[in-house]
Amino acid sequence: MNAQENSHAAPPSEAPDWATAALVLATGQIFWGRGIGAPVQAVGEVCFNTSLTGYQEILTDPSYAGQIITFTFPHIGNVGAN
């Protein structure tokens, strides 16, 4: 999908200096952030998880294959991982 196909598409924005990743929606809206994992492009369904614990299991759960997981708990990873 491009801007001509979607009149609601946001104009391209320049990445902040700190950003290592971008989430680009079908509307063209861009959310900048810090990526973890392999430095490659990925396409998938964005889903969210509200668990307070067990994020290690969620990241390795095969049922999430092909999905981009968004965690809603702000302290994920602050105490390390098992």
PDB file of N, CA and C in Angstrom:
ATOM      1  N   MET A   1       0.847  -1.169   0.000  1.00  0.00           N
ATOM      2  CA  MET A   1       0.000   0.000   0.000  1.00  0.00           C
ATOM      3  C   MET A   1       0.892   1.231   0.000  1.00  0.00           C
ATOM      4  N   ASN A   2       0.531   2.201  -0.791  1.00  0.00           N
ATOM      5  CA  ASN A   2       1.298   3.442  -0.805  1.00  0.00           C
ATOM      6  C   ASN A   2       0.362   4.629  -0.580  1.00  0.00           C
ATOM      7  N   ALA A   3       0.927   5.817  -0.524  1.00  0.00           N
ATOM      8  CA  ALA A   3       0.148   7.016  -0.216  1.00  0.00           C
ATOM      9  C   ALA A   3      -0.943   7.273  -1.244  1.00  0.00           C
ATOM     10  N   GLN A   4      -0.723   6.879  -2.488  1.00  0.00           N
ATOM     11  CA  GLN A   4      -1.740   7.090  -3.508  1.00  0.00           C
ATOM     12  C   GLN A   4      -2.938   6.180  -3.286  1.00  0.00           C
ATOM     13  N   GLU A   5      -2.707   4.989  -2.740  1.00  0.00           N
ATOM     14  CA  GLU A   5      -3.789   4.053  -2.485  1.00  0.00           C
ATOM     15  C   GLU A   5      -4.549   4.392  -1.208  1.00  0.00           C
ATOM     16  N   ASN A   6      -3.921   5.102  -0.295  1.00  0.00           N
ATOM     17  CA  ASN A   6      -4.529   5.405   0.990  1.00  0.00           C
ATOM     18  C   ASN A   6      -4.371   6.890   1.275  1.00  0.00           C
ATOM     19  N   SER A   7      -5.463   7.627   1.197  1.00  0.00           N
ATOM     20  CA  SER A   7      -5.382   9.077   1.379  1.00  0.00           C
ATOM     21  C   SER A   7      -5.090   9.460   2.826  1.00  0.00           C
ATOM     22  N   HIS A   8      -5.182   8.501   3.755  1.00  0.00           N
ATOM     23  CA  HIS A   8      -4.910   8.788   5.155  1.00  0.00           C
ATOM     24  C   HIS A   8      -3.459   8.518   5.532  1.00  0.00           C
ATOM     25  N   ALA A   9      -2.638   8.172   4.582  1.00  0.00           N
ATOM     26  CA  ALA A   9      -1.241   7.836   4.877  1.00  0.00           C
ATOM     27  C   ALA A   9      -0.498   9.057   5.405  1.00  0.00           C
ATOM     28  N   ALA A  10       0.298   8.814   6.426  1.00  0.00           N
ATOM     29  CA  ALA A  10       1.097   9.888   7.015  1.00  0.00           C
ATOM     30  C   ALA A  10       2.317  10.159   6.151  1.00  0.00           C
ATOM     31  N   PRO A  11       2.800  11.396   6.145  1.00  0.00           N
ATOM     32  CA  PRO A  11       4.023  11.680   5.391  1.00  0.00           C
ATOM     33  C   PRO A  11       5.206  10.966   6.028  1.00  0.00           C
ATOM     34  N   PRO A  12       6.220  10.645   5.245  1.00  0.00           N
ATOM     35  CA  PRO A  12       7.386   9.977   5.818  1.00  0.00           C
ATOM     36  C   PRO A  12       8.030  10.849   6.890  1.00  0.00           C
ATOM     37  N   SER A  13       8.503  10.208   7.939  1.00  0.00           N
ATOM     38  CA  SER A  13       9.179  10.963   8.991  1.00  0.00           C
ATOM     39  C   SER A  13      10.610  10.472   9.112  1.00  0.00           C
ATOM     40  N   GLU A  14      11.470  11.355   9.562  1.00  0.00           N
ATOM     41  CA  GLU A  14      12.881  11.018   9.705  1.00  0.00           C
ATOM     42  C   GLU A  14      13.099  10.324  11.045  1.00  0.00           C
ATOM     43  N   ALA A  15      13.932   9.299  11.040  1.00  0.00           N
ATOM     44  CA  ALA A  15      14.189   8.531  12.258  1.00  0.00           C
ATOM     45  C   ALA A  15      14.951   9.362  13.279  1.00  0.00           C
ATOM     46  N   PRO A  16      14.555   9.287  14.556  1.00  0.00           N
ATOM     47  CA  PRO A  16      15.341   9.933  15.606  1.00  0.00           C
ATOM     48  C   PRO A  16      16.714   9.269  15.704  1.00  0.00           C
ATOM     49  N   ASP A  17      17.685   9.969  16.237  1.00  0.00           N
ATOM     50  CA  ASP A  17      19.046   9.433  16.350  1.00  0.00           C
ATOM     51  C   ASP A  17      19.104   8.133  17.147  1.00  0.00           C
ATOM     52  N   TRP A  18      18.261   7.994  18.139  1.00  0.00           N
ATOM     53  CA  TRP A  18      18.294   6.834  19.022  1.00  0.00           C
ATOM     54  C   TRP A  18      17.571   5.620  18.448  1.00  0.00           C
ATOM     55  N   ALA A  19      16.772   5.794  17.415  1.00  0.00           N
ATOM     56  CA  ALA A  19      15.934   4.709  16.892  1.00  0.00           C
ATOM     57  C   ALA A  19      16.751   3.673  16.128  1.00  0.00           C
ATOM     58  N   THR A  20      16.474   2.411  16.426  1.00  0.00           N
ATOM     59  CA  THR A  20      17.101   1.307  15.696  1.00  0.00           C
ATOM     60  C   THR A  20      16.059   0.455  14.988  1.00  0.00           C
ATOM     61  N   ALA A  21      14.775   0.807  15.149  1.00  0.00           N
ATOM     62  CA  ALA A  21      13.701   0.025  14.535  1.00  0.00           C
ATOM     63  C   ALA A  21      12.508   0.928  14.257  1.00  0.00           C
ATOM     64  N   ALA A  22      11.664   0.479  13.348  1.00  0.00           N
ATOM     65  CA  ALA A  22      10.442   1.211  13.028  1.00  0.00           C
ATOM     66  C   ALA A  22       9.304   0.225  12.843  1.00  0.00           C
ATOM     67  N   LEU A  23       8.139   0.585  13.339  1.00  0.00           N
ATOM     68  CA  LEU A  23       6.918  -0.166  13.089  1.00  0.00           C
ATOM     69  C   LEU A  23       6.115   0.677  12.114  1.00  0.00           C
ATOM     70  N   VAL A  24       5.929   0.164  10.899  1.00  0.00           N
ATOM     71  CA  VAL A  24       5.229   0.902   9.854  1.00  0.00           C
ATOM     72  C   VAL A  24       3.890   0.225   9.612  1.00  0.00           C
ATOM     73  N   LEU A  25       2.811   0.950   9.843  1.00  0.00           N
ATOM     74  CA  LEU A  25       1.475   0.400   9.651  1.00  0.00           C
ATOM     75  C   LEU A  25       1.030   0.553   8.203  1.00  0.00           C
ATOM     76  N   ALA A  26      -0.033  -0.139   7.838  1.00  0.00           N
ATOM     77  CA  ALA A  26      -0.560  -0.077   6.473  1.00  0.00           C
ATOM     78  C   ALA A  26      -0.995   1.338   6.105  1.00  0.00           C
ATOM     79  N   THR A  27      -1.323   2.164   7.089  1.00  0.00           N
ATOM     80  CA  THR A  27      -1.732   3.542   6.836  1.00  0.00           C
ATOM     81  C   THR A  27      -0.553   4.450   6.529  1.00  0.00           C
ATOM     82  N   GLY A  28       0.669   3.933   6.752  1.00  0.00           N
ATOM     83  CA  GLY A  28       1.869   4.738   6.561  1.00  0.00           C
ATOM     84  C   GLY A  28       2.373   5.365   7.843  1.00  0.00           C
ATOM     85  N   GLN A  29       1.624   5.221   8.925  1.00  0.00           N
ATOM     86  CA  GLN A  29       2.043   5.764  10.216  1.00  0.00           C
ATOM     87  C   GLN A  29       3.265   5.001  10.709  1.00  0.00           C
ATOM     88  N   ILE A  30       4.250   5.729  11.238  1.00  0.00           N
ATOM     89  CA  ILE A  30       5.508   5.134  11.679  1.00  0.00           C
ATOM     90  C   ILE A  30       5.691   5.361  13.174  1.00  0.00           C
ATOM     91  N   PHE A  31       6.040   4.282  13.876  1.00  0.00           N
ATOM     92  CA  PHE A  31       6.379   4.348  15.292  1.00  0.00           C
ATOM     93  C   PHE A  31       7.836   3.947  15.424  1.00  0.00           C
ATOM     94  N   TRP A  32       8.667   4.836  15.940  1.00  0.00           N
ATOM     95  CA  TRP A  32      10.097   4.579  16.084  1.00  0.00           C
ATOM     96  C   TRP A  32      10.375   3.955  17.434  1.00  0.00           C
ATOM     97  N   GLY A  33      11.388   3.106  17.496  1.00  0.00           N
ATOM     98  CA  GLY A  33      11.749   2.463  18.753  1.00  0.00           C
ATOM     99  C   GLY A  33      13.130   1.860  18.680  1.00  0.00           C
ATOM    100  N   ARG A  34      13.419   1.037  19.665  1.00  0.00           N
ATOM    101  CA  ARG A  34      14.695   0.314  19.716  1.00  0.00           C
ATOM    102  C   ARG A  34      14.403  -1.152  19.464  1.00  0.00           C
ATOM    103  N   GLY A  35      15.061  -1.705  18.470  1.00  0.00           N
ATOM    104  CA  GLY A  35      14.837  -3.098  18.123  1.00  0.00           C
ATOM    105  C   GLY A  35      15.757  -4.029  18.884  1.00  0.00           C
ATOM    106  N   ILE A  36      15.295  -5.262  19.067  1.00  0.00           N
ATOM    107  CA  ILE A  36      16.132  -6.319  19.637  1.00  0.00           C
ATOM    108  C   ILE A  36      16.060  -7.504  18.695  1.00  0.00           C
ATOM    109  N   GLY A  37      17.061  -8.336  18.739  1.00  0.00           N
ATOM    110  CA  GLY A  37      17.066  -9.510  17.871  1.00  0.00           C
ATOM    111  C   GLY A  37      17.857  -9.258  16.605  1.00  0.00           C
ATOM    112  N   ALA A  38      17.585 -10.053  15.601  1.00  0.00           N
ATOM    113  CA  ALA A  38      18.321  -9.974  14.337  1.00  0.00           C
ATOM    114  C   ALA A  38      18.003  -8.673  13.606  1.00  0.00           C
ATOM    115  N   PRO A  39      19.016  -8.022  13.027  1.00  0.00           N
ATOM    116  CA  PRO A  39      18.791  -6.763  12.297  1.00  0.00           C
ATOM    117  C   PRO A  39      18.278  -7.020  10.877  1.00  0.00           C
ATOM    118  N   VAL A  40      17.036  -7.480  10.768  1.00  0.00           N
ATOM    119  CA  VAL A  40      16.430  -7.774   9.467  1.00  0.00           C
ATOM    120  C   VAL A  40      15.048  -7.142   9.405  1.00  0.00           C
ATOM    121  N   GLN A  41      14.497  -7.075   8.204  1.00  0.00           N
ATOM    122  CA  GLN A  41      13.122  -6.614   8.052  1.00  0.00           C
ATOM    123  C   GLN A  41      12.178  -7.767   8.353  1.00  0.00           C
ATOM    124  N   ALA A  42      11.074  -7.477   9.012  1.00  0.00           N
ATOM    125  CA  ALA A  42      10.089  -8.500   9.342  1.00  0.00           C
ATOM    126  C   ALA A  42       8.698  -7.976   9.026  1.00  0.00           C
ATOM    127  N   VAL A  43       7.851  -8.873   8.587  1.00  0.00           N
ATOM    128  CA  VAL A  43       6.459  -8.540   8.309  1.00  0.00           C
ATOM    129  C   VAL A  43       5.608  -9.504   9.119  1.00  0.00           C
ATOM    130  N   GLY A  44       4.611  -8.996   9.804  1.00  0.00           N
ATOM    131  CA  GLY A  44       3.755  -9.873  10.587  1.00  0.00           C
ATOM    132  C   GLY A  44       2.584  -9.123  11.173  1.00  0.00           C
ATOM    133  N   GLU A  45       1.709  -9.885  11.778  1.00  0.00           N
ATOM    134  CA  GLU A  45       0.557  -9.333  12.471  1.00  0.00           C
ATOM    135  C   GLU A  45       1.032  -8.798  13.817  1.00  0.00           C
ATOM    136  N   VAL A  46       0.661  -7.572  14.149  1.00  0.00           N
ATOM    137  CA  VAL A  46       1.025  -7.006  15.444  1.00  0.00           C
ATOM    138  C   VAL A  46      -0.018  -7.470  16.462  1.00  0.00           C
ATOM    139  N   CYS A  47       0.442  -8.116  17.519  1.00  0.00           N
ATOM    140  CA  CYS A  47      -0.448  -8.544  18.592  1.00  0.00           C
ATOM    141  C   CYS A  47       0.106  -8.007  19.907  1.00  0.00           C
ATOM    142  N   PHE A  48      -0.683  -8.064  20.958  1.00  0.00           N
ATOM    143  CA  PHE A  48      -0.186  -7.574  22.238  1.00  0.00           C
ATOM    144  C   PHE A  48      -0.423  -8.604  23.324  1.00  0.00           C
ATOM    145  N   ASN A  49       0.391  -8.518  24.361  1.00  0.00           N
ATOM    146  CA  ASN A  49       0.295  -9.427  25.485  1.00  0.00           C
ATOM    147  C   ASN A  49       0.344  -8.605  26.760  1.00  0.00           C
ATOM    148  N   THR A  50      -0.583  -8.869  27.671  1.00  0.00           N
ATOM    149  CA  THR A  50      -0.684  -8.082  28.900  1.00  0.00           C
ATOM    150  C   THR A  50      -0.090  -8.785  30.119  1.00  0.00           C
ATOM    151  N   SER A  51       0.614  -9.886  29.921  1.00  0.00           N
ATOM    152  CA  SER A  51       1.192 -10.631  31.046  1.00  0.00           C
ATOM    153  C   SER A  51       2.228  -9.794  31.791  1.00  0.00           C
ATOM    154  N   LEU A  52       2.251  -9.958  33.112  1.00  0.00           N
ATOM    155  CA  LEU A  52       3.244  -9.274  33.931  1.00  0.00           C
ATOM    156  C   LEU A  52       4.515 -10.098  34.056  1.00  0.00           C
ATOM    157  N   THR A  53       4.405 -11.398  33.886  1.00  0.00           N
ATOM    158  CA  THR A  53       5.550 -12.298  33.993  1.00  0.00           C
ATOM    159  C   THR A  53       5.485 -13.314  32.858  1.00  0.00           C
ATOM    160  N   GLY A  54       6.551 -14.080  32.707  1.00  0.00           N
ATOM    161  CA  GLY A  54       6.564 -15.139  31.710  1.00  0.00           C
ATOM    162  C   GLY A  54       6.881 -14.683  30.303  1.00  0.00           C
ATOM    163  N   TYR A  55       7.481 -13.507  30.166  1.00  0.00           N
ATOM    164  CA  TYR A  55       7.752 -13.013  28.817  1.00  0.00           C
ATOM    165  C   TYR A  55       8.770 -13.866  28.079  1.00  0.00           C
ATOM    166  N   GLN A  56       9.651 -14.561  28.803  1.00  0.00           N
ATOM    167  CA  GLN A  56      10.613 -15.448  28.140  1.00  0.00           C
ATOM    168  C   GLN A  56       9.872 -16.559  27.401  1.00  0.00           C
ATOM    169  N   GLU A  57       8.853 -17.106  28.043  1.00  0.00           N
ATOM    170  CA  GLU A  57       8.066 -18.163  27.421  1.00  0.00           C
ATOM    171  C   GLU A  57       7.278 -17.638  26.229  1.00  0.00           C
ATOM    172  N   ILE A  58       6.762 -16.431  26.348  1.00  0.00           N
ATOM    173  CA  ILE A  58       5.986 -15.836  25.255  1.00  0.00           C
ATOM    174  C   ILE A  58       6.866 -15.637  24.026  1.00  0.00           C
ATOM    175  N   LEU A  59       8.088 -15.158  24.230  1.00  0.00           N
ATOM    176  CA  LEU A  59       8.993 -14.911  23.105  1.00  0.00           C
ATOM    177  C   LEU A  59       9.401 -16.189  22.382  1.00  0.00           C
ATOM    178  N   THR A  60       9.339 -17.330  23.068  1.00  0.00           N
ATOM    179  CA  THR A  60       9.741 -18.594  22.446  1.00  0.00           C
ATOM    180  C   THR A  60       8.554 -19.503  22.140  1.00  0.00           C
ATOM    181  N   ASP A  61       7.339 -19.045  22.370  1.00  0.00           N
ATOM    182  CA  ASP A  61       6.133 -19.840  22.131  1.00  0.00           C
ATOM    183  C   ASP A  61       5.856 -19.938  20.632  1.00  0.00           C
ATOM    184  N   PRO A  62       5.805 -21.159  20.068  1.00  0.00           N
ATOM    185  CA  PRO A  62       5.575 -21.309  18.624  1.00  0.00           C
ATOM    186  C   PRO A  62       4.215 -20.780  18.158  1.00  0.00           C
ATOM    187  N   SER A  63       3.252 -20.628  19.075  1.00  0.00           N
ATOM    188  CA  SER A  63       1.939 -20.124  18.657  1.00  0.00           C
ATOM    189  C   SER A  63       2.000 -18.655  18.232  1.00  0.00           C
ATOM    190  N   TYR A  64       3.085 -17.961  18.576  1.00  0.00           N
ATOM    191  CA  TYR A  64       3.264 -16.568  18.168  1.00  0.00           C
ATOM    192  C   TYR A  64       4.065 -16.436  16.868  1.00  0.00           C
ATOM    193  N   ALA A  65       4.333 -17.544  16.201  1.00  0.00           N
ATOM    194  CA  ALA A  65       5.112 -17.503  14.950  1.00  0.00           C
ATOM    195  C   ALA A  65       4.421 -16.598  13.932  1.00  0.00           C
ATOM    196  N   GLY A  66       5.200 -15.736  13.284  1.00  0.00           N
ATOM    197  CA  GLY A  66       4.659 -14.824  12.277  1.00  0.00           C
ATOM    198  C   GLY A  66       3.989 -13.593  12.853  1.00  0.00           C
ATOM    199  N   GLN A  67       4.067 -13.420  14.167  1.00  0.00           N
ATOM    200  CA  GLN A  67       3.453 -12.268  14.810  1.00  0.00           C
ATOM    201  C   GLN A  67       4.526 -11.383  15.435  1.00  0.00           C
ATOM    202  N   ILE A  68       4.230 -10.105  15.515  1.00  0.00           N
ATOM    203  CA  ILE A  68       5.100  -9.145  16.182  1.00  0.00           C
ATOM    204  C   ILE A  68       4.456  -8.879  17.534  1.00  0.00           C
ATOM    205  N   ILE A  69       5.143  -9.250  18.612  1.00  0.00           N
ATOM    206  CA  ILE A  69       4.566  -9.177  19.951  1.00  0.00           C
ATOM    207  C   ILE A  69       4.857  -7.817  20.575  1.00  0.00           C
ATOM    208  N   THR A  70       3.816  -7.187  21.061  1.00  0.00           N
ATOM    209  CA  THR A  70       3.934  -5.931  21.786  1.00  0.00           C
ATOM    210  C   THR A  70       3.556  -6.210  23.233  1.00  0.00           C
ATOM    211  N   PHE A  71       4.482  -5.949  24.139  1.00  0.00           N
ATOM    212  CA  PHE A  71       4.194  -6.146  25.556  1.00  0.00           C
ATOM    213  C   PHE A  71       3.659  -4.848  26.134  1.00  0.00           C
ATOM    214  N   THR A  72       2.631  -4.945  26.986  1.00  0.00           N
ATOM    215  CA  THR A  72       2.022  -3.747  27.554  1.00  0.00           C
ATOM    216  C   THR A  72       2.562  -3.403  28.932  1.00  0.00           C
ATOM    217  N   PHE A  73       3.311  -4.308  29.549  1.00  0.00           N
ATOM    218  CA  PHE A  73       3.865  -4.046  30.879  1.00  0.00           C
ATOM    219  C   PHE A  73       5.192  -3.313  30.724  1.00  0.00           C
ATOM    220  N   PRO A  74       5.354  -2.137  31.330  1.00  0.00           N
ATOM    221  CA  PRO A  74       6.532  -1.300  31.056  1.00  0.00           C
ATOM    222  C   PRO A  74       7.855  -1.815  31.612  1.00  0.00           C
ATOM    223  N   HIS A  75       7.828  -2.798  32.503  1.00  0.00           N
ATOM    224  CA  HIS A  75       9.068  -3.231  33.147  1.00  0.00           C
ATOM    225  C   HIS A  75       9.612  -4.541  32.592  1.00  0.00           C
ATOM    226  N   ILE A  76       9.126  -4.970  31.443  1.00  0.00           N
ATOM    227  CA  ILE A  76       9.594  -6.215  30.842  1.00  0.00           C
ATOM    228  C   ILE A  76      11.104  -6.124  30.613  1.00  0.00           C
ATOM    229  N   GLY A  77      11.833  -7.115  31.114  1.00  0.00           N
ATOM    230  CA  GLY A  77      13.273  -7.178  30.895  1.00  0.00           C
ATOM    231  C   GLY A  77      14.130  -6.410  31.877  1.00  0.00           C
ATOM    232  N   ASN A  78      13.532  -5.629  32.759  1.00  0.00           N
ATOM    233  CA  ASN A  78      14.325  -4.838  33.706  1.00  0.00           C
ATOM    234  C   ASN A  78      15.107  -5.690  34.692  1.00  0.00           C
ATOM    235  N   VAL A  79      14.674  -6.909  34.916  1.00  0.00           N
ATOM    236  CA  VAL A  79      15.362  -7.774  35.876  1.00  0.00           C
ATOM    237  C   VAL A  79      16.100  -8.908  35.182  1.00  0.00           C
ATOM    238  N   GLY A  80      16.301  -8.808  33.893  1.00  0.00           N
ATOM    239  CA  GLY A  80      17.010  -9.845  33.152  1.00  0.00           C
ATOM    240  C   GLY A  80      16.068 -10.912  32.637  1.00  0.00           C
ATOM    241  N   ALA A  81      16.650 -11.962  32.113  1.00  0.00           N
ATOM    242  CA  ALA A  81      15.867 -13.068  31.565  1.00  0.00           C
ATOM    243  C   ALA A  81      16.476 -14.375  32.027  1.00  0.00           C
ATOM    244  N   ASN A  82      15.661 -15.410  32.092  1.00  0.00           N
ATOM    245  CA  ASN A  82      16.143 -16.743  32.479  1.00  0.00           C
ATOM    246  C   ASN A  82      16.731 -17.447  31.280  1.00  0.00           C
TER     247      ASN A  82
END
